Amino acid sequence: MKTNITRILFFVLTIGSLAACGPQASATPAAQGDNPYAAQASDSELMRGDVTIDSSSLAVGESQPPHLTLNFAYFQPTPCYQGVSK
């Protein structure tokens, strides 16, 4: 019984010591440079609206690990779209 406790304590101390030697998190992002998709000042003027999801499907591949594909059929109104009033 004492041997098991000693092994567990040794394992915990070893993992703790190795984890303390790992790399520290940095405040700067890993990828630097020009991001063409970064937020722009004119983004607040873009059109916003609701998107209607017509249908969705989930395909499961027979592989290991399983490959999942989720598809959506949707309708996104444009400024030229005029809804039908009831």
Protein backbone atom coordinates (compact mmCIF):
# COMPACT_ATOMS: atom_id res chain seq x y z
CA MET A 1 0.00 0.00 0.00
CA LYS A 2 2.81 2.40 0.87
CA THR A 3 4.49 1.61 -2.46
CA ASN A 4 1.38 2.70 -4.41
CA ILE A 5 1.15 6.00 -2.53
CA THR A 6 4.86 6.61 -3.11
CA ARG A 7 4.48 5.93 -6.84
CA ILE A 8 1.47 8.23 -7.12
CA LEU A 9 3.25 11.00 -5.22
CA PHE A 10 6.36 10.57 -7.41
CA PHE A 11 4.21 10.70 -10.57
CA VAL A 12 2.38 13.87 -9.45
CA LEU A 13 5.62 15.62 -8.51
CA THR A 14 7.26 14.64 -11.81
CA ILE A 15 4.34 15.92 -13.88
CA GLY A 16 4.20 19.11 -11.81
CA SER A 17 7.91 19.73 -12.32
CA LEU A 18 7.72 19.15 -16.07
CA ALA A 19 4.66 21.37 -16.43
CA ALA A 20 6.44 24.20 -14.61
CA CYS A 21 9.23 24.09 -17.21
CA GLY A 22 6.83 24.47 -20.15
CA PRO A 23 6.50 27.59 -22.29
CA GLN A 24 4.70 30.55 -20.79
CA ALA A 25 1.69 32.15 -22.47
CA SER A 26 2.49 35.39 -24.25
CA ALA A 27 0.35 38.50 -24.45
CA THR A 28 1.06 39.01 -28.16
CA PRO A 29 -0.75 36.92 -30.78
CA ALA A 30 1.27 34.13 -32.38
CA ALA A 31 0.57 35.23 -35.97
CA GLN A 32 1.56 38.78 -36.76
CA GLY A 33 1.37 40.79 -39.95
CA ASP A 34 -1.33 42.31 -42.10
CA ASN A 35 -4.73 40.68 -41.62
CA PRO A 36 -6.94 41.36 -44.66
CA TYR A 37 -10.01 40.31 -42.64
CA ALA A 38 -9.43 42.64 -39.69
CA ALA A 39 -12.29 44.95 -38.65
CA GLN A 40 -12.45 48.17 -40.64
CA ALA A 41 -13.85 51.57 -39.60
CA SER A 42 -16.54 51.34 -42.32
CA ASP A 43 -17.86 47.96 -41.10
CA SER A 44 -20.63 49.65 -39.10
CA GLU A 45 -22.18 50.86 -42.39
CA LEU A 46 -22.57 47.35 -43.84
CA MET A 47 -25.99 45.79 -44.31
CA ARG A 48 -27.22 43.63 -41.47
CA GLY A 49 -30.24 41.39 -41.57
CA ASP A 50 -31.69 38.03 -40.76
CA VAL A 51 -30.76 34.89 -42.65
CA THR A 52 -33.45 32.25 -43.13
CA ILE A 53 -32.20 28.65 -42.91
CA ASP A 54 -34.31 26.53 -45.26
CA SER A 55 -32.79 23.13 -44.48
CA SER A 56 -29.78 21.45 -42.94
CA SER A 57 -28.14 18.06 -43.31
CA LEU A 58 -25.47 16.13 -41.47
CA ALA A 59 -23.31 13.60 -43.33
CA VAL A 60 -21.22 11.15 -41.31
CA GLY A 61 -18.24 9.58 -43.07
CA GLU A 62 -17.26 6.00 -42.37
CA SER A 63 -13.70 6.78 -41.39
CA GLN A 64 -11.66 6.75 -38.22
CA PRO A 65 -11.92 9.31 -36.72
CA PRO A 66 -15.42 10.02 -38.06
CA HIS A 67 -15.63 12.83 -40.60
CA LEU A 68 -18.71 15.03 -40.14
CA THR A 69 -20.05 17.45 -42.73
CA LEU A 70 -22.82 19.90 -41.86
CA ASN A 71 -24.57 21.65 -44.76
CA PHE A 72 -27.06 24.52 -44.60
CA ALA A 73 -29.37 25.78 -47.34
CA TYR A 74 -30.17 29.39 -46.56
CA PHE A 75 -31.68 32.56 -47.98
CA GLN A 76 -29.90 35.85 -47.40
CA PRO A 77 -31.88 38.93 -48.42
CA THR A 78 -30.14 41.60 -50.46
CA PRO A 79 -30.92 45.35 -50.64
CA CYS A 80 -32.89 44.60 -53.84
CA TYR A 81 -35.09 41.99 -52.13
CA GLN A 82 -38.66 43.05 -51.41
CA GLY A 83 -40.50 40.73 -49.07
CA VAL A 84 -44.08 39.74 -49.84
CA SER A 85 -46.43 41.40 -47.35
CA LYS A 86 -49.40 39.44 -46.15
